[in-house]
C-alpha atoms as a PDB file:
ATOM      1  CA  UNK A   1       7.315  10.958  40.145  1.00  0.00           C
ATOM      2  CA  UNK A   2       8.248  12.216  37.196  1.00  0.00           C
ATOM      3  CA  UNK A   3       5.613  13.523  34.684  1.00  0.00           C
ATOM      4  CA  UNK A   4       6.156  12.122  31.407  1.00  0.00           C
ATOM      5  CA  UNK A   5       5.389  14.835  28.185  1.00  0.00           C
ATOM      6  CA  UNK A   6       4.558  13.939  24.264  1.00  0.00           C
ATOM      7  CA  UNK A   7       7.582  15.034  22.701  1.00  0.00           C
ATOM      8  CA  UNK A   8       6.157  14.071  19.351  1.00  0.00           C
ATOM      9  CA  UNK A   9       2.486  13.842  18.495  1.00  0.00           C
ATOM     10  CA  UNK A  10       0.078  11.850  15.633  1.00  0.00           C
ATOM     11  CA  UNK A  11      -2.365  14.461  15.336  1.00  0.00           C
ATOM     12  CA  UNK A  12      -0.436  16.421  12.537  1.00  0.00           C
ATOM     13  CA  UNK A  13      -0.322  13.151  10.617  1.00  0.00           C
ATOM     14  CA  UNK A  14      -3.993  12.144  11.182  1.00  0.00           C
ATOM     15  CA  UNK A  15      -5.015  15.789  10.328  1.00  0.00           C
ATOM     16  CA  UNK A  16      -3.609  14.789   6.707  1.00  0.00           C
ATOM     17  CA  UNK A  17      -5.825  11.301   7.499  1.00  0.00           C
ATOM     18  CA  UNK A  18      -8.750  13.183   8.241  1.00  0.00           C
ATOM     19  CA  UNK A  19      -8.730  15.402   5.386  1.00  0.00           C
ATOM     20  CA  UNK A  20      -9.950  14.360   1.482  1.00  0.00           C
ATOM     21  CA  UNK A  21      -7.993  10.510   1.296  1.00  0.00           C
ATOM     22  CA  UNK A  22      -7.815   9.652  -1.976  1.00  0.00           C
ATOM     23  CA  UNK A  23      -8.741   6.223  -1.248  1.00  0.00           C
ATOM     24  CA  UNK A  24      -8.889   5.343  -4.480  1.00  0.00           C
ATOM     25  CA  UNK A  25      -4.872   5.640  -5.212  1.00  0.00           C
ATOM     26  CA  UNK A  26      -4.255   4.208  -1.841  1.00  0.00           C
ATOM     27  CA  UNK A  27      -6.013   0.925  -3.254  1.00  0.00           C
ATOM     28  CA  UNK A  28      -4.210   1.244  -6.290  1.00  0.00           C
ATOM     29  CA  UNK A  29      -0.797   1.557  -4.675  1.00  0.00           C
ATOM     30  CA  UNK A  30      -1.660  -1.583  -2.898  1.00  0.00           C
ATOM     31  CA  UNK A  31      -1.869  -3.541  -5.986  1.00  0.00           C
ATOM     32  CA  UNK A  32       1.399  -5.169  -7.226  1.00  0.00           C
ATOM     33  CA  UNK A  33       0.839  -5.787 -10.745  1.00  0.00           C
ATOM     34  CA  UNK A  34       0.875  -2.776 -13.549  1.00  0.00           C
ATOM     35  CA  UNK A  35      -1.884  -4.759 -15.070  1.00  0.00           C
ATOM     36  CA  UNK A  36      -3.751  -4.922 -12.458  1.00  0.00           C
ATOM     37  CA  UNK A  37      -3.780  -1.478 -11.636  1.00  0.00           C
ATOM     38  CA  UNK A  38      -4.338  -0.824 -15.348  1.00  0.00           C
ATOM     39  CA  UNK A  39      -7.264  -2.811 -15.051  1.00  0.00           C
ATOM     40  CA  UNK A  40      -8.732  -1.645 -11.927  1.00  0.00           C
ATOM     41  CA  UNK A  41      -8.390   2.425 -12.697  1.00  0.00           C
ATOM     42  CA  UNK A  42     -10.117   1.393 -15.773  1.00  0.00           C
ATOM     43  CA  UNK A  43     -12.987  -0.302 -14.537  1.00  0.00           C
ATOM     44  CA  UNK A  44     -13.545   2.585 -11.855  1.00  0.00           C
ATOM     45  CA  UNK A  45     -13.555   4.961 -14.040  1.00  0.00           C
ATOM     46  CA  UNK A  46     -16.558   3.266 -16.492  1.00  0.00           C
ATOM     47  CA  UNK A  47     -18.524   3.015 -13.178  1.00  0.00           C
ATOM     48  CA  UNK A  48     -18.049   6.668 -11.882  1.00  0.00           C
ATOM     49  CA  UNK A  49     -18.682   7.318 -15.975  1.00  0.00           C
ATOM     50  CA  UNK A  50     -21.688   6.020 -16.453  1.00  0.00           C
ATOM     51  CA  UNK A  51     -23.481   8.525 -13.708  1.00  0.00           C
ATOM     52  CA  UNK A  52     -21.365  11.193 -15.296  1.00  0.00           C
ATOM     53  CA  UNK A  53     -19.002  11.544 -12.798  1.00  0.00           C
ATOM     54  CA  UNK A  54     -14.811  10.782 -12.292  1.00  0.00           C
ATOM     55  CA  UNK A  55     -13.379   8.918  -9.715  1.00  0.00           C
ATOM     56  CA  UNK A  56     -12.200  11.826  -7.739  1.00  0.00           C
ATOM     57  CA  UNK A  57     -11.277  11.828  -3.741  1.00  0.00           C
ATOM     58  CA  UNK A  58     -14.398  13.669  -3.525  1.00  0.00           C
ATOM     59  CA  UNK A  59     -16.969  10.961  -5.652  1.00  0.00           C
ATOM     60  CA  UNK A  60     -15.407   8.329  -4.133  1.00  0.00           C
ATOM     61  CA  UNK A  61     -16.415   9.069  -0.513  1.00  0.00           C
ATOM     62  CA  UNK A  62     -19.942  10.316  -1.554  1.00  0.00           C
ATOM     63  CA  UNK A  63     -19.904   6.509  -3.176  1.00  0.00           C
ATOM     64  CA  UNK A  64     -19.274   5.198   0.104  1.00  0.00           C
ATOM     65  CA  UNK A  65     -21.357   6.848   2.219  1.00  0.00           C
ATOM     66  CA  UNK A  66     -24.440   5.386   0.736  1.00  0.00           C
ATOM     67  CA  UNK A  67     -26.381   2.988   2.186  1.00  0.00           C
ATOM     68  CA  UNK A  68     -25.558  -0.835   1.007  1.00  0.00           C
ATOM     69  CA  UNK A  69     -29.061  -1.108  -0.266  1.00  0.00           C
ATOM     70  CA  UNK A  70     -28.418   2.354  -2.132  1.00  0.00           C
ATOM     71  CA  UNK A  71     -24.727   1.188  -3.568  1.00  0.00           C
ATOM     72  CA  UNK A  72     -25.952  -2.372  -4.164  1.00  0.00           C
ATOM     73  CA  UNK A  73     -28.702  -0.475  -6.748  1.00  0.00           C
ATOM     74  CA  UNK A  74     -26.660   1.761  -8.514  1.00  0.00           C
ATOM     75  CA  UNK A  75     -24.130  -1.230  -9.040  1.00  0.00           C
ATOM     76  CA  UNK A  76     -26.863  -3.109 -10.443  1.00  0.00           C
ATOM     77  CA  UNK A  77     -27.858  -0.805 -12.441  1.00  0.00           C
ATOM     78  CA  UNK A  78     -24.350  -0.245 -13.741  1.00  0.00           C
ATOM     79  CA  UNK A  79     -24.362  -4.015 -14.550  1.00  0.00           C
ATOM     80  CA  UNK A  80     -27.304  -4.536 -16.578  1.00  0.00           C
ATOM     81  CA  UNK A  81     -25.935  -1.792 -18.400  1.00  0.00           C
ATOM     82  CA  UNK A  82     -23.116  -3.775 -19.425  1.00  0.00           C
ATOM     83  CA  UNK A  83     -24.816  -6.574 -20.388  1.00  0.00           C
ATOM     84  CA  UNK A  84     -27.070  -4.515 -22.555  1.00  0.00           C
ATOM     85  CA  UNK A  85     -23.852  -3.030 -24.569  1.00  0.00           C
ATOM     86  CA  UNK A  86     -23.532  -7.194 -25.121  1.00  0.00           C
ATOM     87  CA  UNK A  87     -19.817  -7.638 -22.739  1.00  0.00           C
ATOM     88  CA  UNK A  88     -18.605 -11.022 -21.953  1.00  0.00           C
ATOM     89  CA  UNK A  89     -19.906 -12.140 -18.912  1.00  0.00           C
ATOM     90  CA  UNK A  90     -16.466 -12.592 -17.874  1.00  0.00           C
ATOM     91  CA  UNK A  91     -15.545  -8.883 -18.520  1.00  0.00           C
ATOM     92  CA  UNK A  92     -18.634  -7.657 -16.671  1.00  0.00           C
ATOM     93  CA  UNK A  93     -17.830  -9.886 -13.749  1.00  0.00           C
ATOM     94  CA  UNK A  94     -14.063  -8.545 -13.967  1.00  0.00           C
ATOM     95  CA  UNK A  95     -15.733  -4.841 -14.065  1.00  0.00           C
ATOM     96  CA  UNK A  96     -18.334  -5.567 -10.980  1.00  0.00           C
ATOM     97  CA  UNK A  97     -15.330  -7.284  -8.991  1.00  0.00           C
ATOM     98  CA  UNK A  98     -13.075  -4.205  -9.549  1.00  0.00           C
ATOM     99  CA  UNK A  99     -16.119  -2.061  -7.782  1.00  0.00           C
ATOM    100  CA  UNK A 100     -16.147  -4.580  -4.809  1.00  0.00           C
ATOM    101  CA  UNK A 101     -13.058  -4.572  -4.576  1.00  0.00           C
ATOM    102  CA  UNK A 102     -12.765  -0.583  -3.968  1.00  0.00           C
ATOM    103  CA  UNK A 103     -15.192  -1.126  -1.341  1.00  0.00           C
ATOM    104  CA  UNK A 104     -13.541  -4.166   0.389  1.00  0.00           C
ATOM    105  CA  UNK A 105     -10.580  -2.219   0.617  1.00  0.00           C
ATOM    106  CA  UNK A 106     -12.568   0.955   2.141  1.00  0.00           C
ATOM    107  CA  UNK A 107     -13.897  -1.389   4.483  1.00  0.00           C
ATOM    108  CA  UNK A 108     -10.621  -3.106   5.931  1.00  0.00           C
ATOM    109  CA  UNK A 109      -9.111   0.391   5.750  1.00  0.00           C
ATOM    110  CA  UNK A 110     -12.557   1.931   8.122  1.00  0.00           C
ATOM    111  CA  UNK A 111     -13.262   4.111   5.384  1.00  0.00           C
ATOM    112  CA  UNK A 112     -17.285   2.364   5.464  1.00  0.00           C
ATOM    113  CA  UNK A 113     -19.133  -0.126   7.130  1.00  0.00           C
ATOM    114  CA  UNK A 114     -20.180  -2.522   4.328  1.00  0.00           C
ATOM    115  CA  UNK A 115     -19.151  -4.545   1.368  1.00  0.00           C
ATOM    116  CA  UNK A 116     -21.210  -5.962  -1.371  1.00  0.00           C
ATOM    117  CA  UNK A 117     -21.930  -8.728  -1.234  1.00  0.00           C
ATOM    118  CA  UNK A 118     -25.055  -8.906  -3.051  1.00  0.00           C
ATOM    119  CA  UNK A 119     -25.818 -12.423  -4.866  1.00  0.00           C
ATOM    120  CA  UNK A 120     -27.754  -9.849  -7.772  1.00  0.00           C
ATOM    121  CA  UNK A 121     -24.079  -8.955  -8.642  1.00  0.00           C
ATOM    122  CA  UNK A 122     -22.920 -12.340  -8.856  1.00  0.00           C
ATOM    123  CA  UNK A 123     -22.010 -12.453 -12.739  1.00  0.00           C
ATOM    124  CA  UNK A 124     -20.698 -16.118 -13.011  1.00  0.00           C
ATOM    125  CA  UNK A 125     -19.602 -18.704 -10.545  1.00  0.00           C
ATOM    126  CA  UNK A 126     -16.641 -21.078 -10.046  1.00  0.00           C
ATOM    127  CA  UNK A 127     -14.250 -21.420 -12.959  1.00  0.00           C
ATOM    128  CA  UNK A 128     -16.766 -21.671 -15.776  1.00  0.00           C
ATOM    129  CA  UNK A 129     -14.766 -19.130 -17.584  1.00  0.00           C
ATOM    130  CA  UNK A 130     -12.405 -21.575 -18.583  1.00  0.00           C
ATOM    131  CA  UNK A 131     -14.417 -23.798 -20.330  1.00  0.00           C
ATOM    132  CA  UNK A 132     -12.914 -22.952 -23.884  1.00  0.00           C
ATOM    133  CA  UNK A 133      -9.322 -24.656 -23.427  1.00  0.00           C
ATOM    134  CA  UNK A 134      -9.431 -24.933 -27.255  1.00  0.00           C
ATOM    135  CA  UNK A 135      -5.618 -24.389 -28.195  1.00  0.00           C
ATOM    136  CA  UNK A 136      -3.421 -26.401 -31.666  1.00  0.00           C
ATOM    137  CA  UNK A 137      -1.759 -29.312 -32.064  1.00  0.00           C
ATOM    138  CA  UNK A 138       2.262 -29.569 -30.954  1.00  0.00           C
ATOM    139  CA  UNK A 139       2.916 -29.667 -34.964  1.00  0.00           C
ATOM    140  CA  UNK A 140       1.617 -25.955 -35.572  1.00  0.00           C
ATOM    141  CA  UNK A 141       3.373 -24.508 -32.442  1.00  0.00           C
ATOM    142  CA  UNK A 142       6.504 -26.217 -33.579  1.00  0.00           C
ATOM    143  CA  UNK A 143       5.597 -24.332 -37.493  1.00  0.00           C
ATOM    144  CA  UNK A 144       5.005 -21.179 -34.863  1.00  0.00           C
ATOM    145  CA  UNK A 145       8.749 -21.611 -33.511  1.00  0.00           C
ATOM    146  CA  UNK A 146      10.451 -21.948 -36.780  1.00  0.00           C
ATOM    147  CA  UNK A 147       9.299 -19.090 -37.740  1.00  0.00           C
ATOM    148  CA  UNK A 148      11.096 -16.120 -36.689  1.00  0.00           C
ATOM    149  CA  UNK A 149      14.683 -15.875 -38.495  1.00  0.00           C
ATOM    150  CA  UNK A 150      17.217 -15.951 -35.798  1.00  0.00           C
ATOM    151  CA  UNK A 151      19.584 -14.914 -37.647  1.00  0.00           C
ATOM    152  CA  UNK A 152      18.250 -11.656 -36.926  1.00  0.00           C
ATOM    153  CA  UNK A 153      18.407  -9.831 -33.016  1.00  0.00           C
ATOM    154  CA  UNK A 154      14.100  -9.560 -33.020  1.00  0.00           C
ATOM    155  CA  UNK A 155      14.481 -13.334 -34.504  1.00  0.00           C
ATOM    156  CA  UNK A 156      16.348 -14.064 -31.029  1.00  0.00           C
ATOM    157  CA  UNK A 157      14.088 -12.456 -28.876  1.00  0.00           C
ATOM    158  CA  UNK A 158      10.660 -13.689 -30.277  1.00  0.00           C
ATOM    159  CA  UNK A 159      12.043 -17.101 -30.656  1.00  0.00           C
ATOM    160  CA  UNK A 160      12.939 -16.832 -27.130  1.00  0.00           C
ATOM    161  CA  UNK A 161       9.433 -15.496 -25.391  1.00  0.00           C
ATOM    162  CA  UNK A 162       7.838 -18.400 -28.274  1.00  0.00           C
ATOM    163  CA  UNK A 163       9.908 -20.892 -26.370  1.00  0.00           C
ATOM    164  CA  UNK A 164       8.713 -19.590 -22.700  1.00  0.00           C
ATOM    165  CA  UNK A 165       5.068 -19.562 -23.289  1.00  0.00           C
ATOM    166  CA  UNK A 166       4.920 -22.951 -24.734  1.00  0.00           C
ATOM    167  CA  UNK A 167       7.699 -25.140 -22.512  1.00  0.00           C
ATOM    168  CA  UNK A 168       6.248 -23.033 -19.273  1.00  0.00           C
ATOM    169  CA  UNK A 169       2.622 -22.554 -20.303  1.00  0.00           C
ATOM    170  CA  UNK A 170       3.796 -18.712 -19.254  1.00  0.00           C
ATOM    171  CA  UNK A 171       1.367 -16.281 -19.147  1.00  0.00           C
ATOM    172  CA  UNK A 172       2.275 -12.647 -21.292  1.00  0.00           C
ATOM    173  CA  UNK A 173       2.162 -10.810 -18.202  1.00  0.00           C
ATOM    174  CA  UNK A 174       4.686 -13.400 -16.687  1.00  0.00           C
ATOM    175  CA  UNK A 175       7.064 -12.995 -19.874  1.00  0.00           C
ATOM    176  CA  UNK A 176       6.992  -9.608 -19.627  1.00  0.00           C
ATOM    177  CA  UNK A 177       7.632  -8.540 -16.372  1.00  0.00           C
ATOM    178  CA  UNK A 178      11.083 -11.123 -16.140  1.00  0.00           C
ATOM    179  CA  UNK A 179      13.880  -9.465 -15.557  1.00  0.00           C
ATOM    180  CA  UNK A 180      17.466 -10.347 -15.918  1.00  0.00           C
ATOM    181  CA  UNK A 181      18.399 -11.220 -12.146  1.00  0.00           C
ATOM    182  CA  UNK A 182      15.386 -13.447 -12.468  1.00  0.00           C
ATOM    183  CA  UNK A 183      17.438 -16.251 -14.233  1.00  0.00           C
ATOM    184  CA  UNK A 184      19.884 -17.902 -12.667  1.00  0.00           C
ATOM    185  CA  UNK A 185      21.633 -18.110 -16.735  1.00  0.00           C
ATOM    186  CA  UNK A 186      21.255 -21.949 -16.415  1.00  0.00           C
ATOM    187  CA  UNK A 187      17.881 -24.330 -15.414  1.00  0.00           C
ATOM    188  CA  UNK A 188      15.878 -21.855 -13.177  1.00  0.00           C
ATOM    189  CA  UNK A 189      13.797 -19.013 -13.766  1.00  0.00           C
ATOM    190  CA  UNK A 190      11.971 -16.860 -11.106  1.00  0.00           C
ATOM    191  CA  UNK A 191       8.739 -15.312 -12.380  1.00  0.00           C
ATOM    192  CA  UNK A 192       5.760 -13.145 -10.888  1.00  0.00           C
ATOM    193  CA  UNK A 193       2.754 -15.581 -11.308  1.00  0.00           C
ATOM    194  CA  UNK A 194      -0.891 -14.431 -11.664  1.00  0.00           C
ATOM    195  CA  UNK A 195      -2.379 -13.641  -8.138  1.00  0.00           C
ATOM    196  CA  UNK A 196       1.063 -14.361  -6.447  1.00  0.00           C
ATOM    197  CA  UNK A 197       2.707 -12.243  -3.946  1.00  0.00           C
ATOM    198  CA  UNK A 198       6.069 -13.674  -4.287  1.00  0.00           C
ATOM    199  CA  UNK A 199       7.859 -15.370  -7.271  1.00  0.00           C
ATOM    200  CA  UNK A 200       7.764 -19.026  -8.337  1.00  0.00           C
ATOM    201  CA  UNK A 201      10.533 -20.748  -9.286  1.00  0.00           C
ATOM    202  CA  UNK A 202      10.245 -22.428 -12.885  1.00  0.00           C
ATOM    203  CA  UNK A 203      12.526 -25.024 -14.198  1.00  0.00           C
ATOM    204  CA  UNK A 204      13.553 -24.496 -18.067  1.00  0.00           C
ATOM    205  CA  UNK A 205      14.167 -26.693 -20.942  1.00  0.00           C
ATOM    206  CA  UNK A 206      17.809 -27.088 -22.831  1.00  0.00           C
ATOM    207  CA  UNK A 207      15.862 -25.729 -25.669  1.00  0.00           C
ATOM    208  CA  UNK A 208      14.455 -22.548 -23.892  1.00  0.00           C
ATOM    209  CA  UNK A 209      17.879 -22.356 -22.103  1.00  0.00           C
ATOM    210  CA  UNK A 210      19.625 -22.078 -25.008  1.00  0.00           C
ATOM    211  CA  UNK A 211      16.994 -19.797 -26.829  1.00  0.00           C
ATOM    212  CA  UNK A 212      17.747 -17.178 -23.942  1.00  0.00           C
ATOM    213  CA  UNK A 213      21.874 -17.328 -23.799  1.00  0.00           C
ATOM    214  CA  UNK A 214      21.533 -16.813 -27.487  1.00  0.00           C
ATOM    215  CA  UNK A 215      19.035 -13.627 -27.004  1.00  0.00           C
ATOM    216  CA  UNK A 216      20.470 -12.280 -24.326  1.00  0.00           C
ATOM    217  CA  UNK A 217      24.095 -12.491 -25.697  1.00  0.00           C
ATOM    218  CA  UNK A 218      22.642 -10.534 -28.773  1.00  0.00           C
ATOM    219  CA  UNK A 219      20.820  -8.452 -26.048  1.00  0.00           C
ATOM    220  CA  UNK A 220      23.767  -7.071 -24.620  1.00  0.00           C
ATOM    221  CA  UNK A 221      25.761  -6.315 -27.524  1.00  0.00           C
ATOM    222  CA  UNK A 222      23.088  -4.008 -28.541  1.00  0.00           C
ATOM    223  CA  UNK A 223      22.045  -2.241 -25.379  1.00  0.00           C
ATOM    224  CA  UNK A 224      24.281  -3.380 -22.580  1.00  0.00           C
ATOM    225  CA  UNK A 225      22.977  -4.173 -19.343  1.00  0.00           C
ATOM    226  CA  UNK A 226      21.652  -0.611 -18.499  1.00  0.00           C
ATOM    227  CA  UNK A 227      17.985  -1.851 -18.540  1.00  0.00           C
ATOM    228  CA  UNK A 228      17.292  -4.350 -15.911  1.00  0.00           C
ATOM    229  CA  UNK A 229      14.204  -6.423 -18.327  1.00  0.00           C
ATOM    230  CA  UNK A 230      14.903  -9.584 -19.669  1.00  0.00           C
ATOM    231  CA  UNK A 231      12.804  -8.519 -22.895  1.00  0.00           C
ATOM    232  CA  UNK A 232      12.744  -5.067 -24.275  1.00  0.00           C
ATOM    233  CA  UNK A 233      11.732  -3.032 -27.520  1.00  0.00           C
ATOM    234  CA  UNK A 234      13.972  -2.983 -30.681  1.00  0.00           C
ATOM    235  CA  UNK A 235      12.172  -0.045 -32.632  1.00  0.00           C
ATOM    236  CA  UNK A 236      13.633   3.391 -32.361  1.00  0.00           C
ATOM    237  CA  UNK A 237      11.227   5.046 -30.317  1.00  0.00           C
ATOM    238  CA  UNK A 238      11.248   2.247 -27.685  1.00  0.00           C
ATOM    239  CA  UNK A 239      14.946   0.638 -27.782  1.00  0.00           C
ATOM    240  CA  UNK A 240      15.743  -0.778 -24.588  1.00  0.00           C
ATOM    241  CA  UNK A 241      12.281  -0.306 -22.342  1.00  0.00           C
ATOM    242  CA  UNK A 242      10.580  -3.143 -21.263  1.00  0.00           C
ATOM    243  CA  UNK A 243       7.887  -4.676 -23.750  1.00  0.00           C
ATOM    244  CA  UNK A 244       4.974  -4.490 -22.763  1.00  0.00           C
ATOM    245  CA  UNK A 245       2.177  -7.389 -22.750  1.00  0.00           C
ATOM    246  CA  UNK A 246       0.648  -6.123 -26.046  1.00  0.00           C
ATOM    247  CA  UNK A 247       3.612  -6.569 -27.838  1.00  0.00           C
ATOM    248  CA  UNK A 248       3.579 -10.462 -26.750  1.00  0.00           C
ATOM    249  CA  UNK A 249      -0.109 -10.658 -28.030  1.00  0.00           C
ATOM    250  CA  UNK A 250       0.427  -8.762 -31.295  1.00  0.00           C
ATOM    251  CA  UNK A 251       4.074 -11.273 -31.803  1.00  0.00           C
ATOM    252  CA  UNK A 252       1.872 -14.414 -31.460  1.00  0.00           C
ATOM    253  CA  UNK A 253      -1.004 -12.951 -33.280  1.00  0.00           C
ATOM    254  CA  UNK A 254       1.579 -12.274 -36.646  1.00  0.00           C
ATOM    255  CA  UNK A 255       3.617 -15.432 -36.023  1.00  0.00           C
ATOM    256  CA  UNK A 256       0.000 -17.541 -36.480  1.00  0.00           C
ATOM    257  CA  UNK A 257      -1.337 -15.471 -39.183  1.00  0.00           C
ATOM    258  CA  UNK A 258       2.693 -16.069 -41.181  1.00  0.00           C
ATOM    259  CA  UNK A 259       2.250 -19.935 -40.407  1.00  0.00           C
ATOM    260  CA  UNK A 260      -1.246 -20.150 -41.641  1.00  0.00           C
ATOM    261  CA  UNK A 261      -2.998 -20.760 -38.580  1.00  0.00           C
ATOM    262  CA  UNK A 262      -6.846 -21.171 -39.289  1.00  0.00           C
ATOM    263  CA  UNK A 263      -7.794 -19.578 -36.155  1.00  0.00           C
ATOM    264  CA  UNK A 264      -7.371 -16.176 -33.834  1.00  0.00           C
ATOM    265  CA  UNK A 265      -4.391 -17.047 -31.971  1.00  0.00           C
ATOM    266  CA  UNK A 266      -3.116 -15.487 -28.402  1.00  0.00           C
ATOM    267  CA  UNK A 267      -0.806 -16.177 -25.873  1.00  0.00           C
ATOM    268  CA  UNK A 268      -3.053 -17.714 -23.808  1.00  0.00           C
ATOM    269  CA  UNK A 269      -3.904 -19.880 -26.564  1.00  0.00           C
ATOM    270  CA  UNK A 270      -0.558 -20.844 -26.715  1.00  0.00           C
ATOM    271  CA  UNK A 271      -0.733 -21.689 -22.684  1.00  0.00           C
ATOM    272  CA  UNK A 272      -3.799 -24.140 -23.301  1.00  0.00           C
ATOM    273  CA  UNK A 273      -2.257 -25.926 -26.136  1.00  0.00           C
ATOM    274  CA  UNK A 274       0.680 -26.592 -23.858  1.00  0.00           C
ATOM    275  CA  UNK A 275      -1.396 -27.514 -20.941  1.00  0.00           C
ATOM    276  CA  UNK A 276      -4.064 -29.774 -23.074  1.00  0.00           C
ATOM    277  CA  UNK A 277      -0.241 -30.949 -25.177  1.00  0.00           C
ATOM    278  CA  UNK A 278       1.191 -32.170 -21.090  1.00  0.00           C
ATOM    279  CA  UNK A 279      -1.894 -33.875 -19.984  1.00  0.00           C
ATOM    280  CA  UNK A 280      -1.768 -36.043 -23.625  1.00  0.00           C
ATOM    281  CA  UNK A 281       1.884 -36.836 -22.581  1.00  0.00           C
ATOM    282  CA  UNK A 282       1.204 -37.746 -18.982  1.00  0.00           C
ATOM    283  CA  UNK A 283      -2.200 -39.276 -19.578  1.00  0.00           C
ATOM    284  CA  UNK A 284      -4.191 -37.095 -18.070  1.00  0.00           C
ATOM    285  CA  UNK A 285      -1.741 -36.691 -14.803  1.00  0.00           C
ATOM    286  CA  UNK A 286      -3.673 -33.484 -13.627  1.00  0.00           C
ATOM    287  CA  UNK A 287      -1.416 -32.812 -10.388  1.00  0.00           C
ATOM    288  CA  UNK A 288       1.736 -33.312 -12.358  1.00  0.00           C
ATOM    289  CA  UNK A 289       0.782 -31.186 -14.943  1.00  0.00           C
ATOM    290  CA  UNK A 290      -0.361 -28.268 -12.230  1.00  0.00           C
ATOM    291  CA  UNK A 291       2.937 -28.250 -11.745  1.00  0.00           C
ATOM    292  CA  UNK A 292       3.376 -26.752 -15.442  1.00  0.00           C
ATOM    293  CA  UNK A 293       0.453 -24.414 -15.341  1.00  0.00           C
ATOM    294  CA  UNK A 294       0.475 -23.540 -11.544  1.00  0.00           C
ATOM    295  CA  UNK A 295      -2.934 -23.468 -11.304  1.00  0.00           C
ATOM    296  CA  UNK A 296      -4.301 -22.554  -7.780  1.00  0.00           C
ATOM    297  CA  UNK A 297      -7.424 -24.796  -8.051  1.00  0.00           C
ATOM    298  CA  UNK A 298      -7.399 -28.532  -9.439  1.00  0.00           C
ATOM    299  CA  UNK A 299     -10.709 -28.180 -10.692  1.00  0.00           C
ATOM    300  CA  UNK A 300      -9.323 -26.309 -13.181  1.00  0.00           C
ATOM    301  CA  UNK A 301      -7.504 -29.051 -14.938  1.00  0.00           C
ATOM    302  CA  UNK A 302      -9.878 -31.125 -14.976  1.00  0.00           C
ATOM    303  CA  UNK A 303     -11.907 -28.902 -17.477  1.00  0.00           C
ATOM    304  CA  UNK A 304      -9.252 -29.119 -19.620  1.00  0.00           C
ATOM    305  CA  UNK A 305      -8.828 -32.992 -19.415  1.00  0.00           C
ATOM    306  CA  UNK A 306     -12.498 -33.114 -20.278  1.00  0.00           C
ATOM    307  CA  UNK A 307     -12.298 -30.653 -23.081  1.00  0.00           C
ATOM    308  CA  UNK A 308      -9.454 -32.838 -24.186  1.00  0.00           C
ATOM    309  CA  UNK A 309     -11.212 -36.150 -23.772  1.00  0.00           C
ATOM    310  CA  UNK A 310     -14.621 -34.854 -24.818  1.00  0.00           C
ATOM    311  CA  UNK A 311     -16.215 -37.613 -22.519  1.00  0.00           C
ATOM    312  CA  UNK A 312     -19.665 -36.344 -23.289  1.00  0.00           C
ATOM    313  CA  UNK A 313     -18.940 -36.594 -27.026  1.00  0.00           C
ATOM    314  CA  UNK A 314     -18.857 -40.161 -26.329  1.00  0.00           C
ATOM    315  CA  UNK A 315     -21.739 -40.388 -23.990  1.00  0.00           C
ATOM    316  CA  UNK A 316     -23.294 -38.351 -26.317  1.00  0.00           C
ATOM    317  CA  UNK A 317     -22.605 -41.158 -29.226  1.00  0.00           C
ATOM    318  CA  UNK A 318     -23.324 -44.047 -26.757  1.00  0.00           C
ATOM    319  CA  UNK A 319     -26.960 -42.743 -26.104  1.00  0.00           C
ATOM    320  CA  UNK A 320     -27.314 -42.409 -29.975  1.00  0.00           C
ATOM    321  CA  UNK A 321     -26.619 -46.010 -30.109  1.00  0.00           C
ATOM    322  CA  UNK A 322     -29.095 -47.030 -28.064  1.00  0.00           C
ATOM    323  CA  UNK A 323     -32.446 -45.506 -29.833  1.00  0.00           C
END
């Protein structure tokens, strides 16, 4: 019987794994969204910075070598510090969630044998963060859409962006991530939705289709197709580079101020406005509007609908009339 000999070995590969693994970087590499990566990196750096450390392979390993009780007490101490700093509960929840995600990833790959599950680390529950769903009326949105000077290159781009934010209730991160080959040139556009592993197909209305065609015609004449981003920077320093989501925020804020909106406005407020207007137009058909908002949970749309109807206010008025 012929003896089987090993012609290769995993030893050389395992040697690197047994060494100083950079679990922190591995976790970031595992995330698809650049925005998610930046948020995790910032939060984890904040956590280790609170204890006068940097998130290096050595300090990550030291943290993961703690017992679950020890680690929980440290995260709880940091969480209490964030509360004392006056951060919003939604921000604290996200930051604590980043540390939980680091530990969960480490547990999944066998780098530690516990996860952070203590109820003491819970900052908020369910969908409470969606309570403020206020937007503005379609009349205000119309004023914003009329503001960009569409005879200019910047105006063509900004108008197309505003159309997508309003007509399809897109998030700003979804807008900046759109590439040229995500659009079929007509009715359909593919976007990478929040928390999704794959792109979703959305349907565009005629106004948005026309806005995109006008913008892309001008865009190609300006920079060609060397950059595959749908929306690019037009300033001298970053000419032709993909827009960052902060640019969308500044755009909306500037246009809102220019048309006289009396409240602080943002891309997400446009999304709130779109969803609320859609609920009005459909008579509160939350399942139909869920196709627009692409929320995974129908309960979130119920929060929008409750805010739109102000049922609590009606009942309060009714009770007031009883005494």
